[in-house]
Amino acid sequence: MASTSVSVSTADKSKPYIPTSGLRSDGWSNESEATATCFCGAIQLIFPLKAPGLVPGGVHICNCTDCHKIHSSMFGSNFTVLDSHLKHVCGESDLKQFTEKTTTTTGNAMTNFFCTTCGSLMYRRGSGFPGMSILRIGTVDDFNLMETVLKPDVEQFVEDRVNWLPGTGAAGVKQVVGFNYK
């Protein structure tokens, strides 16, 4: 019997693809907005899919050493939204904040917002980026957005990418040393 399972690579990109990927099952997307949730489902956000709320040029892969640690991975996949367009559906009081500036390349403070139950990093806010939040692409409920609207514009800190992980240059994503990609 042939398999009829759908995956990110085989999903119809013209409509939402929201697989079981956490304990909350009410994620959605439309032409202008979508949801992001933590793994346990206590926190759900609504974010914009178009400018000005979705910051132009703000979808990026980051290989900085902070992202290595904070993501427990070799890189972070992120997108930037204006705080004025970010809505907390539920769980804002369940977010724990951690701020530091010792490890940032600019010395600006970065505040990380984590779910107190499951530990998912939902977003970061930096003193160098006032009025903006840097969300994690991995928290987005509609996986098709990862290959469409939230496809990275730039891969930054390529000098800190692990050698065995190919970069995104072959996919047409601009690659830069450091973060000065504007």
C-alpha atoms as a PDB file:
ATOM      1  CA  MET A   1       0.000   0.000   0.000  1.00  0.00           C
ATOM      2  CA  ALA A   2       1.387   3.412  -0.979  1.00  0.00           C
ATOM      3  CA  SER A   3       1.967   5.968   1.750  1.00  0.00           C
ATOM      4  CA  THR A   4      -0.313   9.012   1.706  1.00  0.00           C
ATOM      5  CA  SER A   5       1.454  10.885   4.479  1.00  0.00           C
ATOM      6  CA  VAL A   6       2.096  14.578   4.005  1.00  0.00           C
ATOM      7  CA  SER A   7       5.334  16.263   5.007  1.00  0.00           C
ATOM      8  CA  VAL A   8       6.752  19.771   4.763  1.00  0.00           C
ATOM      9  CA  SER A   9       8.357  18.861   1.443  1.00  0.00           C
ATOM     10  CA  THR A  10       5.186  17.350  -0.063  1.00  0.00           C
ATOM     11  CA  ALA A  11       2.509  19.638   1.413  1.00  0.00           C
ATOM     12  CA  ASP A  12       0.448  21.799  -0.950  1.00  0.00           C
ATOM     13  CA  LYS A  13       2.062  25.246  -0.567  1.00  0.00           C
ATOM     14  CA  SER A  14      -1.156  27.038  -1.573  1.00  0.00           C
ATOM     15  CA  LYS A  15      -2.843  26.222   1.741  1.00  0.00           C
ATOM     16  CA  PRO A  16      -1.808  25.906   5.392  1.00  0.00           C
ATOM     17  CA  TYR A  17       0.021  22.783   6.527  1.00  0.00           C
ATOM     18  CA  ILE A  18      -0.332  22.478  10.292  1.00  0.00           C
ATOM     19  CA  PRO A  19       0.967  19.087  11.442  1.00  0.00           C
ATOM     20  CA  THR A  20       0.816  17.780  14.979  1.00  0.00           C
ATOM     21  CA  SER A  21       3.902  19.450  16.422  1.00  0.00           C
ATOM     22  CA  GLY A  22       3.110  20.301  19.998  1.00  0.00           C
ATOM     23  CA  LEU A  23       0.230  19.987  22.424  1.00  0.00           C
ATOM     24  CA  ARG A  24      -1.939  22.798  21.045  1.00  0.00           C
ATOM     25  CA  SER A  25      -4.103  22.055  17.999  1.00  0.00           C
ATOM     26  CA  ASP A  26      -5.751  25.370  17.098  1.00  0.00           C
ATOM     27  CA  GLY A  27      -2.996  27.025  15.053  1.00  0.00           C
ATOM     28  CA  TRP A  28      -3.962  28.795  11.841  1.00  0.00           C
ATOM     29  CA  SER A  29      -2.830  31.152   9.122  1.00  0.00           C
ATOM     30  CA  ASN A  30      -4.435  33.382   6.502  1.00  0.00           C
ATOM     31  CA  GLU A  31      -3.139  35.940   4.012  1.00  0.00           C
ATOM     32  CA  SER A  32      -2.228  38.526   6.641  1.00  0.00           C
ATOM     33  CA  GLU A  33      -1.579  36.738   9.971  1.00  0.00           C
ATOM     34  CA  ALA A  34      -0.602  33.420  11.520  1.00  0.00           C
ATOM     35  CA  THR A  35      -0.085  31.809  14.903  1.00  0.00           C
ATOM     36  CA  ALA A  36       2.989  30.620  16.757  1.00  0.00           C
ATOM     37  CA  THR A  37       2.886  28.479  19.886  1.00  0.00           C
ATOM     38  CA  CYS A  38       5.232  26.987  22.411  1.00  0.00           C
ATOM     39  CA  PHE A  39       5.576  23.197  22.575  1.00  0.00           C
ATOM     40  CA  CYS A  40       3.185  22.721  25.519  1.00  0.00           C
ATOM     41  CA  GLY A  41       0.628  25.148  24.081  1.00  0.00           C
ATOM     42  CA  ALA A  42       0.468  27.522  27.052  1.00  0.00           C
ATOM     43  CA  ILE A  43       1.646  30.444  24.892  1.00  0.00           C
ATOM     44  CA  GLN A  44       0.120  31.433  21.576  1.00  0.00           C
ATOM     45  CA  LEU A  45       0.978  34.497  19.519  1.00  0.00           C
ATOM     46  CA  ILE A  46      -0.504  36.053  16.401  1.00  0.00           C
ATOM     47  CA  PHE A  47       2.022  37.709  14.107  1.00  0.00           C
ATOM     48  CA  PRO A  48       1.792  39.566  10.765  1.00  0.00           C
ATOM     49  CA  LEU A  49       2.758  38.042   7.419  1.00  0.00           C
ATOM     50  CA  LYS A  50       3.187  41.334   5.581  1.00  0.00           C
ATOM     51  CA  ALA A  51       5.008  44.626   6.012  1.00  0.00           C
ATOM     52  CA  PRO A  52       5.055  46.834   7.870  1.00  0.00           C
ATOM     53  CA  GLY A  53       4.389  44.426  10.776  1.00  0.00           C
ATOM     54  CA  LEU A  54       6.662  41.740   9.335  1.00  0.00           C
ATOM     55  CA  VAL A  55       9.904  43.693   9.122  1.00  0.00           C
ATOM     56  CA  PRO A  56      11.258  43.670   5.542  1.00  0.00           C
ATOM     57  CA  GLY A  57      14.628  41.886   5.407  1.00  0.00           C
ATOM     58  CA  GLY A  58      14.087  40.574   8.947  1.00  0.00           C
ATOM     59  CA  VAL A  59      13.756  36.855   8.183  1.00  0.00           C
ATOM     60  CA  HIS A  60      17.142  35.312   8.847  1.00  0.00           C
ATOM     61  CA  ILE A  61      19.277  32.361   9.775  1.00  0.00           C
ATOM     62  CA  CYS A  62      21.715  33.255  12.545  1.00  0.00           C
ATOM     63  CA  ASN A  63      24.925  31.354  13.255  1.00  0.00           C
ATOM     64  CA  CYS A  64      26.111  33.618  16.086  1.00  0.00           C
ATOM     65  CA  THR A  65      27.446  31.911  19.161  1.00  0.00           C
ATOM     66  CA  ASP A  66      24.488  33.152  21.236  1.00  0.00           C
ATOM     67  CA  CYS A  67      22.087  31.389  18.850  1.00  0.00           C
ATOM     68  CA  HIS A  68      24.152  28.198  19.106  1.00  0.00           C
ATOM     69  CA  LYS A  69      23.599  28.162  22.865  1.00  0.00           C
ATOM     70  CA  ILE A  70      20.114  29.599  23.186  1.00  0.00           C
ATOM     71  CA  HIS A  71      18.682  27.252  20.532  1.00  0.00           C
ATOM     72  CA  SER A  72      20.690  24.217  21.677  1.00  0.00           C
ATOM     73  CA  SER A  73      21.511  23.855  17.994  1.00  0.00           C
ATOM     74  CA  MET A  74      24.017  25.037  15.392  1.00  0.00           C
ATOM     75  CA  PHE A  75      21.937  28.052  14.301  1.00  0.00           C
ATOM     76  CA  GLY A  76      18.718  29.965  14.879  1.00  0.00           C
ATOM     77  CA  SER A  77      15.984  30.604  12.331  1.00  0.00           C
ATOM     78  CA  ASN A  78      14.253  33.873  13.067  1.00  0.00           C
ATOM     79  CA  PHE A  79      11.907  36.563  11.826  1.00  0.00           C
ATOM     80  CA  THR A  80      11.385  40.092  13.056  1.00  0.00           C
ATOM     81  CA  VAL A  81       8.038  41.755  13.728  1.00  0.00           C
ATOM     82  CA  LEU A  82       7.067  45.150  15.060  1.00  0.00           C
ATOM     83  CA  ASP A  83       5.830  44.886  18.646  1.00  0.00           C
ATOM     84  CA  SER A  84       2.824  46.995  17.661  1.00  0.00           C
ATOM     85  CA  HIS A  85       1.724  44.093  15.407  1.00  0.00           C
ATOM     86  CA  LEU A  86       2.475  41.184  17.769  1.00  0.00           C
ATOM     87  CA  LYS A  87      -0.549  39.865  19.674  1.00  0.00           C
ATOM     88  CA  HIS A  88      -0.479  37.555  22.689  1.00  0.00           C
ATOM     89  CA  VAL A  89      -3.555  35.307  22.427  1.00  0.00           C
ATOM     90  CA  CYS A  90      -2.740  33.513  25.657  1.00  0.00           C
ATOM     91  CA  GLY A  91       0.118  32.818  28.003  1.00  0.00           C
ATOM     92  CA  GLU A  92       1.834  36.199  28.162  1.00  0.00           C
ATOM     93  CA  SER A  93       1.986  35.813  31.954  1.00  0.00           C
ATOM     94  CA  ASP A  94       3.618  32.377  31.415  1.00  0.00           C
ATOM     95  CA  LEU A  95       6.674  33.957  29.782  1.00  0.00           C
ATOM     96  CA  LYS A  96       9.898  34.100  31.768  1.00  0.00           C
ATOM     97  CA  GLN A  97      12.435  36.757  30.825  1.00  0.00           C
ATOM     98  CA  PHE A  98      16.200  36.493  30.877  1.00  0.00           C
ATOM     99  CA  THR A  99      18.318  39.507  29.914  1.00  0.00           C
ATOM    100  CA  GLU A 100      22.056  39.707  29.326  1.00  0.00           C
ATOM    101  CA  LYS A 101      24.544  41.750  27.314  1.00  0.00           C
ATOM    102  CA  THR A 102      27.868  40.069  28.067  1.00  0.00           C
ATOM    103  CA  THR A 103      27.871  37.757  25.026  1.00  0.00           C
ATOM    104  CA  THR A 104      26.298  39.976  22.356  1.00  0.00           C
ATOM    105  CA  THR A 105      28.673  41.301  19.712  1.00  0.00           C
ATOM    106  CA  THR A 106      27.357  44.858  20.136  1.00  0.00           C
ATOM    107  CA  GLY A 107      27.095  44.974  23.915  1.00  0.00           C
ATOM    108  CA  ASN A 108      23.361  45.678  23.582  1.00  0.00           C
ATOM    109  CA  ALA A 109      21.100  43.880  26.036  1.00  0.00           C
ATOM    110  CA  MET A 110      19.060  40.973  24.668  1.00  0.00           C
ATOM    111  CA  THR A 111      15.975  39.806  26.545  1.00  0.00           C
ATOM    112  CA  ASN A 112      14.808  36.256  25.897  1.00  0.00           C
ATOM    113  CA  PHE A 113      11.172  35.255  26.454  1.00  0.00           C
ATOM    114  CA  PHE A 114      10.681  31.571  27.359  1.00  0.00           C
ATOM    115  CA  CYS A 115       7.619  29.487  28.271  1.00  0.00           C
ATOM    116  CA  THR A 116       7.827  28.726  31.999  1.00  0.00           C
ATOM    117  CA  THR A 117       6.274  25.277  31.464  1.00  0.00           C
ATOM    118  CA  CYS A 118       8.081  23.745  28.466  1.00  0.00           C
ATOM    119  CA  GLY A 119      11.021  26.129  28.036  1.00  0.00           C
ATOM    120  CA  SER A 120      10.340  27.045  24.398  1.00  0.00           C
ATOM    121  CA  LEU A 121      12.080  30.254  23.379  1.00  0.00           C
ATOM    122  CA  MET A 122       9.324  32.338  21.793  1.00  0.00           C
ATOM    123  CA  TYR A 123      11.162  35.550  20.984  1.00  0.00           C
ATOM    124  CA  ARG A 124      13.991  37.926  21.823  1.00  0.00           C
ATOM    125  CA  ARG A 125      14.009  41.700  22.182  1.00  0.00           C
ATOM    126  CA  GLY A 126      17.180  43.727  21.942  1.00  0.00           C
ATOM    127  CA  SER A 127      18.003  47.211  23.144  1.00  0.00           C
ATOM    128  CA  GLY A 128      19.551  47.735  19.702  1.00  0.00           C
ATOM    129  CA  PHE A 129      16.222  46.884  18.028  1.00  0.00           C
ATOM    130  CA  PRO A 130      13.630  48.972  19.910  1.00  0.00           C
ATOM    131  CA  GLY A 131       9.991  48.244  19.159  1.00  0.00           C
ATOM    132  CA  MET A 132      10.740  44.876  17.553  1.00  0.00           C
ATOM    133  CA  SER A 133      10.631  41.222  18.565  1.00  0.00           C
ATOM    134  CA  ILE A 134      12.690  38.474  16.953  1.00  0.00           C
ATOM    135  CA  LEU A 135      10.496  35.363  16.822  1.00  0.00           C
ATOM    136  CA  ARG A 136      11.587  31.759  16.202  1.00  0.00           C
ATOM    137  CA  ILE A 137      10.473  30.250  12.882  1.00  0.00           C
ATOM    138  CA  GLY A 138      10.246  26.865  14.626  1.00  0.00           C
ATOM    139  CA  THR A 139       7.328  28.086  16.778  1.00  0.00           C
ATOM    140  CA  VAL A 140       5.155  28.875  13.719  1.00  0.00           C
ATOM    141  CA  ASP A 141       2.148  26.548  13.461  1.00  0.00           C
ATOM    142  CA  ASP A 142       1.769  26.589   9.653  1.00  0.00           C
ATOM    143  CA  PHE A 143       4.872  24.761   8.433  1.00  0.00           C
ATOM    144  CA  ASN A 144       4.320  25.933   4.826  1.00  0.00           C
ATOM    145  CA  LEU A 145       5.190  29.460   5.940  1.00  0.00           C
ATOM    146  CA  MET A 146       8.742  28.224   6.585  1.00  0.00           C
ATOM    147  CA  GLU A 147       9.188  27.654   2.846  1.00  0.00           C
ATOM    148  CA  THR A 148       7.188  30.638   1.618  1.00  0.00           C
ATOM    149  CA  VAL A 149       6.694  33.906   3.558  1.00  0.00           C
ATOM    150  CA  LEU A 150       9.298  33.028   6.211  1.00  0.00           C
ATOM    151  CA  LYS A 151      12.038  31.790   3.873  1.00  0.00           C
ATOM    152  CA  PRO A 152      15.172  33.577   5.092  1.00  0.00           C
ATOM    153  CA  ASP A 153      16.395  36.723   3.342  1.00  0.00           C
ATOM    154  CA  VAL A 154      19.871  36.471   4.848  1.00  0.00           C
ATOM    155  CA  GLU A 155      22.164  34.103   6.698  1.00  0.00           C
ATOM    156  CA  GLN A 156      24.237  36.054   9.181  1.00  0.00           C
ATOM    157  CA  PHE A 157      27.376  35.311  11.196  1.00  0.00           C
ATOM    158  CA  VAL A 158      28.464  32.813   8.528  1.00  0.00           C
ATOM    159  CA  GLU A 159      31.918  32.874  10.099  1.00  0.00           C
ATOM    160  CA  ASP A 160      30.440  30.967  13.075  1.00  0.00           C
ATOM    161  CA  ARG A 161      28.559  28.322  11.026  1.00  0.00           C
ATOM    162  CA  VAL A 162      29.821  24.801  11.684  1.00  0.00           C
ATOM    163  CA  ASN A 163      31.822  23.547   8.695  1.00  0.00           C
ATOM    164  CA  TRP A 164      29.812  20.361   8.164  1.00  0.00           C
ATOM    165  CA  LEU A 165      26.506  22.260   7.811  1.00  0.00           C
ATOM    166  CA  PRO A 166      26.041  23.663   4.299  1.00  0.00           C
ATOM    167  CA  GLY A 167      25.000  27.284   4.129  1.00  0.00           C
ATOM    168  CA  THR A 168      21.882  28.707   2.539  1.00  0.00           C
ATOM    169  CA  GLY A 169      23.723  30.411  -0.337  1.00  0.00           C
ATOM    170  CA  ALA A 170      22.678  27.705  -2.807  1.00  0.00           C
ATOM    171  CA  ALA A 171      19.043  28.566  -1.998  1.00  0.00           C
ATOM    172  CA  GLY A 172      19.641  32.188  -3.002  1.00  0.00           C
ATOM    173  CA  VAL A 173      19.878  33.506   0.544  1.00  0.00           C
ATOM    174  CA  LYS A 174      22.357  36.364   1.020  1.00  0.00           C
ATOM    175  CA  GLN A 175      25.227  35.412   3.322  1.00  0.00           C
ATOM    176  CA  VAL A 176      27.066  37.924   5.505  1.00  0.00           C
ATOM    177  CA  VAL A 177      29.806  38.096   8.086  1.00  0.00           C
ATOM    178  CA  GLY A 178      28.393  39.496  11.319  1.00  0.00           C
ATOM    179  CA  PHE A 179      24.899  40.933  11.346  1.00  0.00           C
ATOM    180  CA  ASN A 180      25.217  44.124   9.316  1.00  0.00           C
ATOM    181  CA  TYR A 181      23.093  42.870   6.415  1.00  0.00           C
ATOM    182  CA  LYS A 182      20.970  45.921   5.587  1.00  0.00           C
END
